Amino acid sequence: MDLLAAAIAVFTGLGAGIGIGVATGKATEAVSRQPEASGKIQMLLLLGAALAEATAIYGLVIALLILFR
């Protein structure tokens, strides 16, 4: 049962990967439409990617806590 719970917790990485991919695609489209705003777009992209990656790290920590408690 613990292995199943850990596997489900690790799936947060899948959501984070999809989210970062979609955000990167949209940022690329935005820069191609408005190259003069690339600095702002890049800053927002990095902030969003960091927040999405944080959820993946939380999922990994929860999975490790479940496995090694």
N, C-alpha and C. Protein backbone atom coordinates (compact mmCIF):
# COMPACT_ATOMS: atom_id res chain seq x y z
N MET A 1 0.82 -1.19 0.00
CA MET A 1 0.00 0.00 0.00
C MET A 1 0.86 1.26 0.00
N ASP A 2 1.97 1.21 0.73
CA ASP A 2 2.86 2.36 0.76
C ASP A 2 3.46 2.65 -0.60
N LEU A 3 3.76 1.60 -1.35
CA LEU A 3 4.34 1.82 -2.68
C LEU A 3 3.35 2.50 -3.61
N LEU A 4 2.10 2.13 -3.50
CA LEU A 4 1.07 2.77 -4.33
C LEU A 4 0.93 4.24 -3.98
N ALA A 5 0.93 4.55 -2.70
CA ALA A 5 0.83 5.95 -2.27
C ALA A 5 2.03 6.75 -2.74
N ALA A 6 3.22 6.17 -2.65
CA ALA A 6 4.42 6.86 -3.12
C ALA A 6 4.37 7.08 -4.63
N ALA A 7 3.89 6.10 -5.37
CA ALA A 7 3.79 6.25 -6.82
C ALA A 7 2.82 7.36 -7.20
N ILE A 8 1.72 7.45 -6.48
CA ILE A 8 0.75 8.51 -6.75
C ILE A 8 1.36 9.88 -6.43
N ALA A 9 2.12 9.97 -5.35
CA ALA A 9 2.75 11.23 -4.98
C ALA A 9 3.78 11.66 -6.02
N VAL A 10 4.47 10.72 -6.63
CA VAL A 10 5.48 11.05 -7.62
C VAL A 10 4.84 11.56 -8.91
N PHE A 11 3.58 11.22 -9.15
CA PHE A 11 2.90 11.70 -10.36
C PHE A 11 2.74 13.21 -10.40
N THR A 12 3.01 13.90 -9.30
CA THR A 12 2.98 15.37 -9.36
C THR A 12 4.04 15.88 -10.32
N GLY A 13 5.12 15.12 -10.50
CA GLY A 13 6.16 15.50 -11.45
C GLY A 13 5.64 15.50 -12.88
N LEU A 14 4.72 14.60 -13.17
CA LEU A 14 4.13 14.56 -14.51
C LEU A 14 3.35 15.84 -14.79
N GLY A 15 2.55 16.27 -13.84
CA GLY A 15 1.80 17.51 -14.00
C GLY A 15 2.70 18.72 -14.13
N ALA A 16 3.78 18.73 -13.36
CA ALA A 16 4.72 19.84 -13.43
C ALA A 16 5.40 19.89 -14.79
N GLY A 17 5.77 18.75 -15.30
CA GLY A 17 6.41 18.69 -16.62
C GLY A 17 5.50 19.18 -17.73
N ILE A 18 4.26 18.76 -17.68
CA ILE A 18 3.29 19.22 -18.68
C ILE A 18 3.06 20.72 -18.55
N GLY A 19 2.94 21.19 -17.32
CA GLY A 19 2.71 22.62 -17.10
C GLY A 19 3.86 23.47 -17.58
N ILE A 20 5.07 23.05 -17.31
CA ILE A 20 6.24 23.81 -17.76
C ILE A 20 6.34 23.79 -19.28
N GLY A 21 6.02 22.67 -19.89
CA GLY A 21 6.04 22.58 -21.35
C GLY A 21 5.03 23.51 -22.00
N VAL A 22 3.82 23.53 -21.46
CA VAL A 22 2.78 24.41 -22.01
C VAL A 22 3.18 25.88 -21.82
N ALA A 23 3.69 26.20 -20.64
CA ALA A 23 4.10 27.58 -20.37
C ALA A 23 5.23 28.02 -21.29
N THR A 24 6.18 27.15 -21.54
CA THR A 24 7.28 27.48 -22.43
C THR A 24 6.78 27.72 -23.86
N GLY A 25 5.86 26.89 -24.30
CA GLY A 25 5.29 27.08 -25.63
C GLY A 25 4.55 28.40 -25.76
N LYS A 26 3.78 28.74 -24.75
CA LYS A 26 3.04 30.00 -24.78
C LYS A 26 3.99 31.20 -24.70
N ALA A 27 5.05 31.08 -23.91
CA ALA A 27 6.02 32.17 -23.82
C ALA A 27 6.73 32.37 -25.15
N THR A 28 7.05 31.28 -25.84
CA THR A 28 7.69 31.38 -27.15
C THR A 28 6.77 32.08 -28.14
N GLU A 29 5.49 31.72 -28.10
CA GLU A 29 4.52 32.39 -28.98
C GLU A 29 4.42 33.88 -28.65
N ALA A 30 4.43 34.20 -27.37
CA ALA A 30 4.30 35.60 -26.97
C ALA A 30 5.51 36.42 -27.41
N VAL A 31 6.70 35.84 -27.29
CA VAL A 31 7.91 36.56 -27.72
C VAL A 31 7.91 36.74 -29.23
N SER A 32 7.40 35.75 -29.96
CA SER A 32 7.38 35.89 -31.41
C SER A 32 6.40 36.98 -31.84
N ARG A 33 5.34 37.21 -31.03
CA ARG A 33 4.39 38.28 -31.35
C ARG A 33 4.88 39.65 -30.91
N GLN A 34 5.54 39.70 -29.74
CA GLN A 34 6.01 40.97 -29.21
C GLN A 34 7.44 40.83 -28.71
N PRO A 35 8.41 40.93 -29.61
CA PRO A 35 9.81 40.76 -29.20
C PRO A 35 10.28 41.81 -28.20
N GLU A 36 9.67 42.99 -28.20
CA GLU A 36 10.11 44.04 -27.28
C GLU A 36 9.74 43.73 -25.83
N ALA A 37 8.82 42.80 -25.61
CA ALA A 37 8.40 42.43 -24.25
C ALA A 37 9.07 41.15 -23.77
N SER A 38 10.14 40.74 -24.43
CA SER A 38 10.74 39.45 -24.10
C SER A 38 11.30 39.39 -22.68
N GLY A 39 11.78 40.51 -22.16
CA GLY A 39 12.31 40.52 -20.80
C GLY A 39 11.24 40.21 -19.76
N LYS A 40 10.08 40.85 -19.89
CA LYS A 40 8.98 40.61 -18.96
C LYS A 40 8.45 39.18 -19.11
N ILE A 41 8.34 38.73 -20.35
CA ILE A 41 7.82 37.39 -20.60
C ILE A 41 8.76 36.34 -20.01
N GLN A 42 10.05 36.55 -20.18
CA GLN A 42 11.03 35.60 -19.65
C GLN A 42 10.97 35.54 -18.13
N MET A 43 10.82 36.70 -17.49
CA MET A 43 10.75 36.74 -16.03
C MET A 43 9.52 35.98 -15.54
N LEU A 44 8.38 36.20 -16.18
CA LEU A 44 7.16 35.51 -15.77
C LEU A 44 7.24 34.02 -16.05
N LEU A 45 7.89 33.64 -17.14
CA LEU A 45 8.06 32.23 -17.46
C LEU A 45 8.91 31.53 -16.39
N LEU A 46 10.00 32.16 -15.99
CA LEU A 46 10.86 31.55 -14.97
C LEU A 46 10.16 31.45 -13.63
N LEU A 47 9.36 32.46 -13.28
CA LEU A 47 8.61 32.40 -12.04
C LEU A 47 7.58 31.27 -12.07
N GLY A 48 6.88 31.15 -13.16
CA GLY A 48 5.89 30.08 -13.31
C GLY A 48 6.53 28.71 -13.31
N ALA A 49 7.67 28.58 -13.98
CA ALA A 49 8.37 27.29 -14.01
C ALA A 49 8.88 26.91 -12.62
N ALA A 50 9.34 27.89 -11.86
CA ALA A 50 9.82 27.61 -10.51
C ALA A 50 8.67 27.14 -9.62
N LEU A 51 7.52 27.78 -9.74
CA LEU A 51 6.37 27.36 -8.94
C LEU A 51 5.88 25.97 -9.34
N ALA A 52 5.88 25.67 -10.62
CA ALA A 52 5.46 24.35 -11.08
C ALA A 52 6.46 23.29 -10.62
N GLU A 53 7.72 23.62 -10.67
CA GLU A 53 8.74 22.66 -10.24
C GLU A 53 8.67 22.43 -8.73
N ALA A 54 8.27 23.45 -7.99
CA ALA A 54 8.14 23.29 -6.54
C ALA A 54 7.10 22.23 -6.20
N THR A 55 6.02 22.17 -6.97
CA THR A 55 5.01 21.13 -6.70
C THR A 55 5.58 19.74 -6.96
N ALA A 56 6.43 19.61 -7.96
CA ALA A 56 7.06 18.32 -8.23
C ALA A 56 8.00 17.93 -7.10
N ILE A 57 8.72 18.90 -6.57
CA ILE A 57 9.64 18.61 -5.46
C ILE A 57 8.85 18.23 -4.22
N TYR A 58 7.72 18.90 -3.96
CA TYR A 58 6.88 18.54 -2.82
C TYR A 58 6.38 17.10 -2.97
N GLY A 59 5.98 16.73 -4.17
CA GLY A 59 5.53 15.36 -4.41
C GLY A 59 6.63 14.35 -4.16
N LEU A 60 7.84 14.67 -4.57
CA LEU A 60 8.96 13.78 -4.33
C LEU A 60 9.25 13.64 -2.83
N VAL A 61 9.19 14.74 -2.12
CA VAL A 61 9.44 14.70 -0.67
C VAL A 61 8.37 13.85 0.02
N ILE A 62 7.12 14.03 -0.36
CA ILE A 62 6.03 13.24 0.23
C ILE A 62 6.23 11.75 -0.07
N ALA A 63 6.62 11.44 -1.32
CA ALA A 63 6.85 10.04 -1.68
C ALA A 63 7.99 9.44 -0.85
N LEU A 64 9.05 10.19 -0.65
CA LEU A 64 10.17 9.69 0.16
C LEU A 64 9.75 9.53 1.62
N LEU A 65 8.95 10.45 2.13
CA LEU A 65 8.46 10.31 3.51
C LEU A 65 7.58 9.08 3.67
N ILE A 66 6.76 8.80 2.66
CA ILE A 66 5.91 7.62 2.73
C ILE A 66 6.75 6.35 2.72
N LEU A 67 7.77 6.33 1.86
CA LEU A 67 8.60 5.12 1.74
C LEU A 67 9.49 4.87 2.95
N PHE A 68 10.02 5.92 3.54
CA PHE A 68 11.04 5.75 4.57
C PHE A 68 10.57 6.17 5.96
N ARG A 69 9.30 6.10 6.22
CA ARG A 69 8.84 6.45 7.56
C ARG A 69 8.98 5.33 8.53
